[in-house]
Protein backbone atom coordinates (compact mmCIF):
# COMPACT_ATOMS: atom_id res chain seq x y z
CA UNK A 1 116.33 92.38 54.03
CA UNK A 2 114.16 90.20 56.25
CA UNK A 3 113.25 89.02 59.73
CA UNK A 4 113.16 85.26 60.22
CA UNK A 5 111.13 84.29 63.28
CA UNK A 6 111.55 80.90 64.90
CA UNK A 7 110.53 79.23 68.14
CA UNK A 8 112.82 77.67 70.72
CA UNK A 9 110.27 75.14 71.89
CA UNK A 10 108.85 74.86 75.42
CA UNK A 11 111.95 73.75 77.34
CA UNK A 12 115.61 72.88 76.78
CA UNK A 13 117.65 72.74 73.54
CA UNK A 14 116.67 69.10 72.98
CA UNK A 15 113.19 70.32 71.94
CA UNK A 16 114.45 72.81 69.34
CA UNK A 17 113.61 71.55 65.84
CA UNK A 18 116.39 70.79 63.38
CA UNK A 19 115.04 73.51 61.07
CA UNK A 20 115.20 76.13 63.82
CA UNK A 21 118.66 74.92 64.83
CA UNK A 22 119.88 75.43 61.27
CA UNK A 23 118.34 78.91 61.03
CA UNK A 24 120.01 79.94 64.27
CA UNK A 25 123.40 78.59 63.23
CA UNK A 26 123.22 80.54 59.97
CA UNK A 27 121.97 83.74 61.56
CA UNK A 28 124.08 86.81 60.97
CA UNK A 29 122.41 88.53 63.90
CA UNK A 30 120.21 86.69 66.41
CA UNK A 31 117.83 88.33 68.89
CA UNK A 32 115.95 86.44 71.60
CA UNK A 33 112.83 87.76 73.28
CA UNK A 34 114.08 86.78 76.71
CA UNK A 35 117.03 85.00 78.28
CA UNK A 36 114.70 83.43 80.84
CA UNK A 37 114.28 80.23 78.87
CA UNK A 38 116.23 76.97 79.20
CA UNK A 39 117.13 76.74 75.50
CA UNK A 40 118.75 80.20 75.41
CA UNK A 41 121.67 79.05 77.54
CA UNK A 42 123.11 77.14 74.58
CA UNK A 43 122.83 80.03 72.11
CA UNK A 44 125.11 82.85 71.03
CA UNK A 45 122.92 85.89 70.39
CA UNK A 46 123.30 89.61 69.71
CA UNK A 47 120.70 90.83 72.20
CA UNK A 48 117.58 90.18 74.28
CA UNK A 49 114.71 92.39 75.42
CA UNK A 50 114.62 91.58 79.13
CA UNK A 51 115.45 95.18 80.06
CA UNK A 52 112.26 96.41 78.39
CA UNK A 53 110.13 94.11 80.55
CA UNK A 54 111.82 95.57 83.61
CA UNK A 55 111.63 99.26 82.63
CA UNK A 56 108.24 99.58 80.92
CA UNK A 57 104.90 100.00 82.67
CA UNK A 58 102.92 97.76 80.33
CA UNK A 59 103.37 94.70 78.15
CA UNK A 60 101.82 96.55 75.22
CA UNK A 61 104.56 99.17 75.38
CA UNK A 62 107.21 96.46 75.60
CA UNK A 63 105.87 94.51 72.62
CA UNK A 64 105.67 97.66 70.52
CA UNK A 65 109.27 98.61 71.31
CA UNK A 66 110.55 95.10 70.57
CA UNK A 67 108.80 95.15 67.19
CA UNK A 68 110.19 98.62 66.38
CA UNK A 69 113.74 97.52 67.24
CA UNK A 70 113.46 94.41 65.07
CA UNK A 71 112.01 96.37 62.16
CA UNK A 72 114.81 98.94 62.36
CA UNK A 73 117.44 96.19 62.40
CA UNK A 74 115.68 94.14 59.72
CA UNK A 75 115.47 97.11 57.36
CA UNK A 76 119.23 97.05 56.76
CA UNK A 77 120.22 93.41 57.30
CA UNK A 78 118.81 89.92 57.65
CA UNK A 79 118.13 89.05 61.27
CA UNK A 80 116.64 86.17 63.24
CA UNK A 81 114.24 86.62 66.15
CA UNK A 82 113.75 83.64 68.48
CA UNK A 83 110.77 83.34 70.80
CA UNK A 84 110.05 80.87 73.60
CA UNK A 85 107.77 78.03 72.52
CA UNK A 86 106.10 78.59 69.18
CA UNK A 87 106.15 82.02 67.50
CA UNK A 88 102.53 81.42 66.50
CA UNK A 89 101.15 81.09 70.03
CA UNK A 90 100.52 84.14 72.25
CA UNK A 91 103.36 86.17 70.74
CA UNK A 92 102.12 89.77 70.37
CA UNK A 93 105.41 90.93 68.82
CA UNK A 94 104.96 88.42 66.01
CA UNK A 95 101.43 89.69 65.42
CA UNK A 96 102.74 93.25 65.07
CA UNK A 97 105.48 92.16 62.67
CA UNK A 98 103.05 90.19 60.50
CA UNK A 99 100.77 93.22 60.14
CA UNK A 100 103.47 95.54 58.73
CA UNK A 101 104.67 95.55 55.12
CA UNK A 102 108.01 97.37 55.24
CA UNK A 103 110.20 94.36 56.02
CA UNK A 104 109.75 90.76 54.84
CA UNK A 105 108.86 88.37 57.64
CA UNK A 106 109.27 84.59 57.54
CA UNK A 107 107.85 82.47 60.36
CA UNK A 108 108.97 78.94 61.24
CA UNK A 109 106.56 77.02 63.55
CA UNK A 110 107.87 75.14 66.58
CA UNK A 111 106.71 72.89 69.39
CA UNK A 112 104.56 74.93 71.77
CA UNK A 113 104.32 74.75 75.54
CA UNK A 114 100.65 74.00 74.90
CA UNK A 115 101.54 70.56 73.56
CA UNK A 116 103.17 69.73 76.88
CA UNK A 117 100.19 71.19 78.77
CA UNK A 118 97.69 68.97 76.98
CA UNK A 119 99.92 65.96 77.56
CA UNK A 120 100.28 66.62 81.30
CA UNK A 121 96.55 67.34 81.63
CA UNK A 122 95.69 64.27 79.55
CA UNK A 123 93.05 66.11 77.54
CA UNK A 124 92.22 66.94 73.95
CA UNK A 125 91.74 70.73 74.04
CA UNK A 126 89.37 70.71 71.06
CA UNK A 127 87.06 68.01 72.40
CA UNK A 128 87.18 69.63 75.84
CA UNK A 129 86.46 73.10 74.38
CA UNK A 130 89.32 74.65 76.33
CA UNK A 131 89.67 78.44 76.10
CA UNK A 132 93.13 80.01 76.17
CA UNK A 133 94.20 83.43 77.42
CA UNK A 134 97.13 85.29 78.93
CA UNK A 135 96.66 86.52 82.49
CA UNK A 136 97.03 90.12 81.32
CA UNK A 137 93.94 89.67 79.09
CA UNK A 138 91.98 87.60 81.58
CA UNK A 139 88.38 88.52 82.49
CA UNK A 140 86.59 85.73 84.33
CA UNK A 141 83.10 86.57 83.08
CA UNK A 142 84.30 85.98 79.49
CA UNK A 143 84.95 82.34 80.37
CA UNK A 144 81.94 81.36 82.48
CA UNK A 145 81.02 78.17 80.61
CA UNK A 146 84.23 76.49 79.41
CA UNK A 147 87.47 75.16 80.90
CA UNK A 148 90.30 77.65 80.53
CA UNK A 149 94.09 77.62 80.48
CA UNK A 150 95.50 80.89 81.81
CA UNK A 151 99.13 81.41 80.78
CA UNK A 152 102.10 83.70 81.46
CA UNK A 153 101.51 84.00 85.19
CA UNK A 154 104.86 85.49 86.13
CA UNK A 155 104.36 86.66 89.72
CA UNK A 156 102.22 86.50 92.85
CA UNK A 157 100.16 89.56 91.87
CA UNK A 158 99.07 87.80 88.69
CA UNK A 159 98.24 84.63 90.61
CA UNK A 160 96.21 86.70 93.11
CA UNK A 161 94.26 88.34 90.29
CA UNK A 162 93.22 84.91 89.08
CA UNK A 163 92.36 83.66 92.56
CA UNK A 164 90.12 86.65 93.39
CA UNK A 165 88.02 86.07 90.26
CA UNK A 166 86.75 82.71 91.50
CA UNK A 167 85.13 81.02 94.47
CA UNK A 168 87.43 79.16 96.87
CA UNK A 169 85.84 75.75 96.52
CA UNK A 170 87.25 73.98 93.48
CA UNK A 171 90.47 72.50 92.26
CA UNK A 172 92.82 73.88 89.60
CA UNK A 173 96.00 72.53 88.04
CA UNK A 174 99.23 74.54 88.23
CA UNK A 175 101.77 73.77 85.47
CA UNK A 176 105.30 75.10 85.94
CA UNK A 177 108.45 74.76 83.82
CA UNK A 178 107.10 71.92 81.68
CA UNK A 179 109.75 69.86 79.95
CA UNK A 180 112.57 70.95 82.26
CA UNK A 181 114.18 69.30 85.32
CA UNK A 182 112.26 71.72 87.57
CA UNK A 183 108.87 70.78 86.09
CA UNK A 184 105.94 70.82 88.53
CA UNK A 185 102.34 69.78 87.93
CA UNK A 186 100.19 70.17 91.02
CA UNK A 187 96.51 70.18 91.89
CA UNK A 188 95.54 72.77 94.50
CA UNK A 189 92.48 74.60 95.71
CA UNK A 190 92.25 77.95 93.95
CA UNK A 191 92.25 79.69 97.35
CA UNK A 192 95.92 78.66 97.63
CA UNK A 193 96.90 80.12 94.27
CA UNK A 194 98.60 83.18 95.76
CA UNK A 195 100.89 80.87 97.76
CA UNK A 196 102.61 79.34 94.76
CA UNK A 197 105.97 80.62 93.51
CA UNK A 198 105.39 81.42 89.83
CA UNK A 199 108.18 81.26 87.28
CA UNK A 200 108.16 82.88 83.86
CA UNK A 201 106.69 79.60 82.54
CA UNK A 202 103.67 79.10 84.80
CA UNK A 203 100.11 78.37 83.64
CA UNK A 204 96.91 77.45 85.49
CA UNK A 205 94.25 75.13 84.12
CA UNK A 206 90.73 75.77 85.43
CA UNK A 207 88.64 72.68 84.59
CA UNK A 208 85.33 73.79 86.13
CA UNK A 209 84.76 77.53 86.50
CA UNK A 210 83.39 78.62 89.88
CA UNK A 211 82.81 82.33 89.55
CA UNK A 212 82.93 84.62 92.57
CA UNK A 213 79.85 86.62 93.53
CA UNK A 214 81.34 89.72 91.89
CA UNK A 215 81.89 87.87 88.61
CA UNK A 216 78.47 86.20 88.74
CA UNK A 217 76.88 89.63 89.22
CA UNK A 218 78.87 91.10 86.33
CA UNK A 219 77.69 88.20 84.17
CA UNK A 220 74.09 88.81 85.25
CA UNK A 221 74.31 92.51 84.35
CA UNK A 222 75.48 91.52 80.86
CA UNK A 223 72.53 89.13 80.54
CA UNK A 224 70.06 91.90 81.40
CA UNK A 225 71.76 94.19 78.89
CA UNK A 226 71.39 91.55 76.19
CA UNK A 227 67.72 90.99 77.08
CA UNK A 228 67.09 94.70 76.63
CA UNK A 229 68.60 94.47 73.15
CA UNK A 230 67.18 91.16 71.94
CA UNK A 231 63.97 90.39 73.87
CA UNK A 232 60.90 92.32 72.70
CA UNK A 233 59.22 92.26 76.15
CA UNK A 234 62.30 93.50 78.02
CA UNK A 235 63.09 96.08 75.35
CA UNK A 236 59.72 97.83 75.64
CA UNK A 237 59.78 98.21 79.43
CA UNK A 238 60.13 101.60 81.10
CA UNK A 239 60.58 102.67 84.71
CA UNK A 240 56.84 103.32 84.83
CA UNK A 241 55.74 100.05 83.25
CA UNK A 242 57.84 98.12 85.77
CA UNK A 243 56.21 99.68 88.82
CA UNK A 244 53.46 97.03 89.02
CA UNK A 245 56.05 94.25 88.70
CA UNK A 246 58.16 95.81 91.46
CA UNK A 247 55.09 95.93 93.71
CA UNK A 248 54.18 92.32 92.90
CA UNK A 249 57.69 91.00 93.52
CA UNK A 250 57.96 92.93 96.80
CA UNK A 251 54.71 91.39 98.00
CA UNK A 252 55.89 87.92 97.00
CA UNK A 253 59.14 88.39 98.94
CA UNK A 254 57.15 89.33 102.04
CA UNK A 255 54.94 86.28 101.52
CA UNK A 256 57.98 84.03 101.19
CA UNK A 257 59.38 85.40 104.45
CA UNK A 258 56.12 84.78 106.29
CA UNK A 259 55.64 81.28 104.87
CA UNK A 260 59.18 79.88 104.99
CA UNK A 261 58.64 78.10 108.39
CA UNK A 262 62.34 77.35 108.72
CA UNK A 263 62.09 74.58 106.11
CA UNK A 264 64.50 73.93 103.24
CA UNK A 265 61.70 74.41 100.69
CA UNK A 266 60.61 77.61 102.41
CA UNK A 267 64.08 79.05 102.13
CA UNK A 268 64.39 77.85 98.53
CA UNK A 269 61.20 79.76 97.66
CA UNK A 270 62.53 82.78 99.57
CA UNK A 271 65.78 82.64 97.57
CA UNK A 272 63.88 82.55 94.28
CA UNK A 273 61.67 85.51 95.22
CA UNK A 274 64.70 87.58 96.24
CA UNK A 275 66.15 86.85 92.79
CA UNK A 276 62.94 88.07 91.15
CA UNK A 277 63.13 91.26 93.20
CA UNK A 278 66.78 91.72 92.23
CA UNK A 279 65.73 91.39 88.59
CA UNK A 280 63.62 94.52 89.00
CA UNK A 281 66.61 96.43 90.38
CA UNK A 282 68.78 95.27 87.48
CA UNK A 283 66.16 96.24 84.89
CA UNK A 284 65.75 99.73 86.34
CA UNK A 285 69.53 100.20 86.44
CA UNK A 286 69.91 99.01 82.85
CA UNK A 287 67.19 101.38 81.62
CA UNK A 288 68.85 104.26 83.50
CA UNK A 289 72.24 103.39 81.99
CA UNK A 290 70.78 103.61 78.49
CA UNK A 291 70.04 107.26 79.22
CA UNK A 292 73.53 107.78 80.69
CA UNK A 293 72.07 108.51 84.15
CA UNK A 294 73.59 105.64 86.17
CA UNK A 295 74.23 101.90 85.92
CA UNK A 296 74.18 98.97 88.33
CA UNK A 297 77.80 99.58 89.35
CA UNK A 298 76.81 103.10 90.37
CA UNK A 299 73.96 101.70 92.47
CA UNK A 300 76.38 99.36 94.25
CA UNK A 301 79.02 102.08 94.71
CA UNK A 302 76.45 104.49 96.16
CA UNK A 303 75.18 101.87 98.60
CA UNK A 304 78.74 100.91 99.53
CA UNK A 305 79.62 104.52 100.38
CA UNK A 306 76.36 105.03 102.27
CA UNK A 307 76.83 101.97 104.47
CA UNK A 308 80.32 103.07 105.46
CA UNK A 309 79.21 106.67 106.00
CA UNK A 310 76.23 105.69 108.17
CA UNK A 311 78.19 103.23 110.32
CA UNK A 312 80.99 105.34 111.82
CA UNK A 313 80.89 103.09 114.91
CA UNK A 314 82.10 100.25 112.68
CA UNK A 315 84.24 102.01 110.07
CA UNK A 316 85.13 105.22 111.93
CA UNK A 317 85.80 106.53 115.42
CA UNK A 318 82.23 106.89 116.75
CA UNK A 319 81.65 105.43 120.22
CA UNK A 320 77.90 104.89 119.79
CA UNK A 321 77.00 101.40 121.02
CA UNK A 322 73.45 101.13 122.38
CA UNK A 323 70.50 100.75 120.04
CA UNK A 324 69.23 104.16 121.10
CA UNK A 325 72.57 105.82 120.36
CA UNK A 326 72.81 104.05 117.01
CA UNK A 327 69.31 105.16 115.98
CA UNK A 328 70.09 108.76 116.94
CA UNK A 329 73.39 108.61 115.04
CA UNK A 330 71.68 107.18 111.93
CA UNK A 331 69.03 109.89 112.00
CA UNK A 332 71.62 112.64 112.43
CA UNK A 333 73.75 111.39 109.54
CA UNK A 334 70.68 111.02 107.33
CA UNK A 335 69.57 114.58 108.14
CA UNK A 336 73.07 115.88 107.40
CA UNK A 337 73.00 114.13 104.02
CA UNK A 338 69.66 115.71 103.17
CA UNK A 339 70.98 119.19 103.96
CA UNK A 340 74.04 118.62 101.75
CA UNK A 341 71.87 117.44 98.86
CA UNK A 342 69.30 120.22 99.11
């Protein structure tokens, strides 16, 4: 018994290959991953797995259950499983089926939605070094230096996740329903990404990454971690050995403040010195994390909580408003914190 896996192409039945068409016509039992695909309308099939997407909490759980169902069916009879696009592109169920050895699996390639993407974008993905990922696997700091195509953006929450990973000052390309009558290819500012209406065939091409401050900082933390592993000078530093550098950088920041004179160069020097001071903070946090004491995220979280706690007139119900009242409030909160920690 076997499972024959074929792809329905990226759009309507006109893009289904003749080989796939023949396999489907000869199928004793045909399963489709989803009915939300233009080519499925012309097919007679035994079942789909849409209900699993609706009832399960995660895609991983859904993919596992689809694979288990197909393996159970394929153990006693020959079946055909049809996926949108190509079964070789971003199909986790196919990966699971290929890794097992209880049922024979035959895979028949098909036209992928990616072919239509590259055509609409007018690019060669290899020459352009385009990275590819599903939105569920997306982490912006993993793609800080290459263009990226983010696929399977099914809803507004997914679009918002992508938007919040980047700065709001560059253009992206939204590709929807390629190859169908409802096809849309639009260029928008990424700040508008959560205003689109995604379909189950929506992708976003990000030609020039513009990472948000949070992502830039995450990237910087990873750089410091790598320096501690691979740079001999950084690797040998301790909290104590860095004290003199912390003192020097603090002095240079003060100097930059005093000498900036409101000029562009003065502020550029000030910016650089603040970066050098931040480097010291990052190094100390990285060293502490290696001993499982705390990491940079803990430093930020502690400061975040402290600022909210010490500003109840902004984030709470305190009525303090004058400078004198604010100083008294700050001192009282600080004293209360000391007593709690003692």
